Protein backbone atom coordinates (compact mmCIF):
# COMPACT_ATOMS: atom_id res chain seq x y z
CA MET A 1 0.00 0.00 0.00
CA GLN A 2 1.29 3.43 -0.88
CA ARG A 3 1.29 6.21 1.68
CA PRO A 4 -2.17 7.53 2.57
CA PHE A 5 -3.53 10.85 1.36
CA TYR A 6 -5.98 13.16 3.10
CA PRO A 7 -7.55 15.40 0.44
CA GLU A 8 -10.70 15.71 2.58
CA GLY A 9 -8.98 16.30 5.89
CA ASP A 10 -10.25 13.44 8.03
CA VAL A 11 -10.88 10.86 5.28
CA CYS A 12 -8.02 8.51 4.45
CA HIS A 13 -7.50 7.79 0.73
CA ALA A 14 -5.26 4.74 0.29
CA TYR A 15 -4.01 3.13 -2.93
CA ILE A 16 -3.47 -0.62 -2.92
CA VAL A 17 -0.71 -1.61 -5.33
CA HIS A 18 -1.48 -4.85 -7.17
CA PRO A 19 1.29 -7.20 -8.33
CA PRO A 20 2.96 -5.28 -11.18
CA GLY A 21 3.45 -8.38 -13.33
CA GLY A 22 -0.08 -9.64 -12.85
CA VAL A 23 -1.37 -12.85 -11.30
CA VAL A 24 -0.74 -16.34 -12.69
CA GLY A 25 -1.96 -19.82 -11.80
CA GLY A 26 -0.78 -20.93 -8.37
CA ASP A 27 -0.48 -17.39 -6.97
CA GLU A 28 -2.37 -16.59 -3.76
CA LEU A 29 -3.27 -13.04 -2.75
CA GLN A 30 -4.80 -12.03 0.57
CA LEU A 31 -6.01 -8.58 1.55
CA HIS A 32 -7.45 -7.92 5.02
CA VAL A 33 -8.72 -4.43 5.86
CA GLU A 34 -9.86 -3.30 9.32
CA THR A 35 -11.59 0.08 9.58
CA GLY A 36 -11.99 1.14 13.20
CA ASN A 37 -14.62 3.05 15.12
CA ASP A 38 -15.60 6.40 13.52
CA ALA A 39 -12.86 6.11 10.88
CA HIS A 40 -13.46 6.76 7.17
CA ALA A 41 -11.32 5.06 4.54
CA LEU A 42 -11.50 5.18 0.74
CA LEU A 43 -9.53 2.38 -0.93
CA THR A 44 -8.73 2.16 -4.62
CA THR A 45 -6.05 0.77 -6.95
CA PRO A 46 -3.80 2.60 -9.42
CA ALA A 47 -4.56 0.28 -12.37
CA ALA A 48 -6.43 -2.82 -13.44
CA ALA A 49 -5.54 -6.17 -11.91
CA LYS A 50 -4.54 -8.76 -14.53
CA PHE A 51 -5.10 -12.49 -14.17
CA TYR A 52 -3.10 -14.28 -16.86
CA ARG A 53 -3.60 -17.66 -18.48
CA SER A 54 -2.89 -20.68 -16.32
CA ASP A 55 -0.96 -23.89 -16.85
CA GLY A 56 -3.78 -25.69 -15.03
CA ARG A 57 -3.27 -24.32 -11.52
CA THR A 58 -5.77 -21.94 -9.91
CA ALA A 59 -4.95 -18.39 -8.83
CA ARG A 60 -6.65 -17.51 -5.54
CA GLN A 61 -7.59 -14.12 -4.18
CA GLU A 62 -9.20 -13.43 -0.80
CA GLN A 63 -10.26 -9.90 0.19
CA ILE A 64 -11.78 -9.41 3.65
CA LEU A 65 -12.97 -5.86 4.33
CA ARG A 66 -14.28 -4.97 7.81
CA ALA A 67 -15.88 -1.74 8.98
CA ASP A 68 -16.59 -1.59 12.73
CA GLY A 69 -18.72 1.48 13.34
CA ALA A 70 -16.87 3.10 10.46
CA THR A 71 -17.27 4.21 6.86
CA LEU A 72 -15.57 2.22 4.11
CA GLU A 73 -15.41 2.90 0.37
CA TRP A 74 -14.02 0.10 -1.82
CA LEU A 75 -13.47 1.49 -5.33
CA PRO A 76 -10.89 -0.65 -7.16
CA GLN A 77 -10.12 -0.57 -10.84
CA GLU A 78 -11.35 -3.53 -12.88
CA SER A 79 -9.95 -7.06 -12.93
CA ILE A 80 -9.00 -8.40 -16.37
CA PHE A 81 -9.26 -12.15 -16.81
CA TYR A 82 -7.21 -13.38 -19.76
CA PRO A 83 -8.31 -16.38 -21.83
CA ASP A 84 -7.25 -19.63 -20.13
CA ALA A 85 -7.18 -18.01 -16.68
CA ARG A 86 -8.29 -20.15 -13.74
CA VAL A 87 -9.26 -17.94 -10.80
CA ARG A 88 -11.11 -18.23 -7.51
CA SER A 89 -11.74 -14.79 -6.01
CA VAL A 90 -13.63 -14.08 -2.78
CA THR A 91 -14.50 -10.58 -1.57
CA ARG A 92 -16.26 -10.47 1.81
CA ILE A 93 -17.43 -7.19 3.36
CA GLU A 94 -18.25 -7.36 7.07
CA LEU A 95 -20.09 -4.41 8.62
CA SER A 96 -21.01 -3.77 12.23
CA ALA A 97 -23.74 -1.56 13.57
CA ARG A 98 -23.47 2.08 12.39
CA ALA A 99 -21.13 1.11 9.55
CA ARG A 100 -21.62 2.57 6.09
CA PHE A 101 -20.32 1.18 2.84
CA ILE A 102 -20.08 1.96 -0.86
CA GLY A 103 -18.12 -0.38 -3.09
CA TRP A 104 -17.89 -2.14 -6.40
CA GLU A 105 -16.22 -4.92 -8.33
CA ILE A 106 -15.77 -4.93 -12.12
CA ALA A 107 -14.67 -7.90 -14.23
CA CYS A 108 -13.49 -7.80 -17.84
CA LEU A 109 -13.79 -11.23 -19.45
CA GLY A 110 -11.01 -11.74 -21.95
CA LEU A 111 -9.50 -8.94 -24.02
CA PRO A 112 -12.37 -7.40 -26.01
CA ALA A 113 -10.19 -4.74 -27.67
CA ARG A 114 -7.96 -7.49 -29.09
CA LYS A 115 -10.93 -9.68 -30.11
CA GLN A 116 -9.85 -12.34 -27.61
CA PRO A 117 -12.95 -13.51 -25.72
CA PHE A 118 -12.86 -15.51 -22.52
CA ASP A 119 -13.58 -18.81 -24.30
CA ARG A 120 -11.21 -20.97 -22.26
CA GLY A 121 -10.60 -21.20 -18.51
CA GLU A 122 -12.75 -20.94 -15.40
CA LEU A 123 -13.66 -18.15 -13.02
CA ARG A 124 -15.34 -18.43 -9.62
CA LEU A 125 -16.12 -14.94 -8.38
CA HIS A 126 -17.70 -14.61 -4.94
CA LEU A 127 -19.00 -11.36 -3.44
CA GLU A 128 -20.52 -11.23 0.05
CA LEU A 129 -21.92 -8.45 2.24
CA TRP A 130 -22.59 -9.12 5.94
CA GLU A 131 -23.98 -6.88 8.66
CA ALA A 132 -23.70 -7.77 12.36
CA GLY A 133 -22.92 -11.38 11.46
CA ALA A 134 -25.96 -11.80 9.19
CA PRO A 135 -25.68 -12.15 5.40
CA LEU A 136 -27.25 -9.35 3.38
CA LEU A 137 -25.97 -10.48 -0.02
CA ILE A 138 -24.25 -13.70 -1.12
CA ASP A 139 -23.30 -13.60 -4.79
CA ARG A 140 -21.77 -16.59 -6.59
CA LEU A 141 -20.69 -16.37 -10.22
CA ARG A 142 -19.07 -19.24 -12.08
CA ILE A 143 -17.95 -18.69 -15.66
CA SER A 144 -16.48 -21.48 -17.72
CA GLY A 145 -14.96 -20.65 -21.07
CA ASN A 146 -16.17 -23.83 -22.72
CA THR A 147 -19.84 -23.50 -21.80
CA GLY A 148 -22.49 -20.99 -22.78
CA TRP A 149 -23.67 -18.31 -20.37
CA GLY A 150 -26.27 -15.60 -20.77
CA LEU A 151 -24.65 -12.19 -20.88
CA SER A 152 -26.01 -11.33 -24.34
CA GLY A 153 -22.54 -10.94 -25.79
CA HIS A 154 -21.33 -8.50 -23.12
CA GLU A 155 -17.76 -9.07 -21.97
CA SER A 156 -17.64 -6.85 -18.90
CA ILE A 157 -19.77 -7.13 -15.79
CA GLY A 158 -19.92 -5.17 -12.56
CA THR A 159 -21.70 -4.97 -9.21
CA LEU A 160 -21.97 -1.87 -7.03
CA LEU A 161 -23.25 -2.09 -3.43
CA ALA A 162 -24.25 0.65 -0.99
CA TYR A 163 -25.44 0.34 2.60
CA PRO A 164 -27.62 1.51 4.27
CA ALA A 165 -29.74 2.56 1.31
CA THR A 166 -33.32 3.73 0.87
CA ARG A 167 -35.83 3.81 -1.93
CA ALA A 168 -34.83 7.44 -2.56
CA THR A 169 -31.18 6.51 -3.13
CA VAL A 170 -32.25 3.74 -5.51
CA ASP A 171 -34.36 6.19 -7.49
CA ALA A 172 -31.44 8.63 -7.63
CA VAL A 173 -29.07 6.01 -9.04
CA ARG A 174 -31.71 4.89 -11.54
CA ASN A 175 -31.63 8.42 -12.93
CA VAL A 176 -27.97 7.88 -13.86
CA GLN A 177 -28.11 7.01 -17.56
CA PRO A 178 -24.57 6.63 -18.91
CA PRO A 179 -24.00 5.58 -22.52
CA ASN A 180 -22.91 2.12 -23.69
CA VAL A 181 -23.83 0.31 -20.47
CA GLU A 182 -26.90 -1.50 -19.18
CA LEU A 183 -27.74 -0.89 -15.51
CA GLY A 184 -30.19 -2.55 -13.16
CA VAL A 185 -30.74 -1.15 -9.66
CA THR A 186 -32.62 -2.82 -6.80
CA LEU A 187 -33.03 -2.50 -3.02
CA VAL A 188 -32.59 -5.70 -0.98
CA ASP A 189 -32.55 -5.60 2.85
CA ASN A 190 -31.45 -1.95 2.82
CA VAL A 191 -28.67 -2.74 0.35
CA LEU A 192 -28.58 -0.92 -2.97
CA VAL A 193 -27.49 -3.42 -5.61
CA CYS A 194 -26.51 -2.06 -9.01
CA ARG A 195 -25.64 -4.54 -11.78
CA ALA A 196 -23.92 -3.48 -14.98
CA LEU A 197 -23.18 -5.03 -18.37
CA ALA A 198 -21.09 -3.54 -21.17
CA ALA A 199 -18.84 -4.51 -24.07
CA GLN A 200 -15.77 -3.29 -22.17
CA ALA A 201 -14.92 -2.26 -18.61
CA GLU A 202 -14.51 1.48 -19.22
CA PRO A 203 -18.25 2.28 -19.60
CA ILE A 204 -18.99 0.40 -16.37
CA LYS A 205 -16.31 2.35 -14.52
CA ARG A 206 -17.75 5.63 -15.75
CA ALA A 207 -21.26 4.54 -14.76
CA PHE A 208 -20.17 3.46 -11.28
CA VAL A 209 -18.25 6.68 -10.70
CA GLU A 210 -21.38 8.66 -11.61
CA ALA A 211 -23.45 6.48 -9.26
CA TRP A 212 -20.86 7.01 -6.51
CA LYS A 213 -21.00 10.78 -7.03
CA THR A 214 -24.78 10.54 -6.64
CA LEU A 215 -24.70 8.30 -3.57
CA ARG A 216 -21.92 9.86 -1.53
CA PRO A 217 -23.61 13.15 -0.50
CA SER A 218 -26.81 11.43 0.66
CA LEU A 219 -25.41 8.23 2.15
CA LEU A 220 -22.10 9.50 3.55
CA GLU A 221 -22.99 13.19 3.90
CA ARG A 222 -19.91 14.22 1.94
CA PRO A 223 -19.38 15.61 -1.56
CA ALA A 224 -17.66 13.29 -4.00
CA VAL A 225 -13.89 13.85 -4.00
CA PRO A 226 -12.35 11.49 -6.60
CA PRO A 227 -8.97 9.96 -5.72
CA ARG A 228 -6.32 11.86 -7.60
CA ILE A 229 -4.80 8.60 -8.88
CA TRP A 230 -7.86 8.31 -11.17
CA ALA A 231 -6.65 11.37 -13.07
CA THR A 232 -3.20 9.93 -13.88
């Protein structure tokens, strides 16, 4: 992790540096984040994470994010899964009472710009959100390159979560209408769930940033201050 920045005074912006050469089969990555009482942390990454083709071994990633009476924003760049990659990735967000959270995960399947679809390999992508020890969202996605799956030809997918949300915040995000991306927004157990599909990851990132700018003032009572690494 690079040194923290404080462009908002009391909010810590931290940049998590991914492996510069990317991730290959057999690698194991673990990230554990603890956000303490009344703290506010915004975490992002300087670039996309790359999961390269495998020789048969599985790359494993575990990300455990905890907010104990705190505010946590998890805003990483996308993950790119190369053809022939074999990956098991688990992201688990654990919130206590009074915690607030906005976060997303974006996956690019294959290399659309190079006309290289994810037609070989296997991905198991798990996303979980818990509050006070109870599950609010358990998401399991398994993608196998040699079987059909119903994304209507889209090669990038994303999920944005916000908690605690209301019907008003859902309606506000539904008014975000970015180009070249399909969005669906629902409210489940006070969790705003926004799903996105697009031909590439960039439109989803733009859509999620616009949704974040809409959510942050109402949910976190702060104006949106983008991490300066996004501008480099």
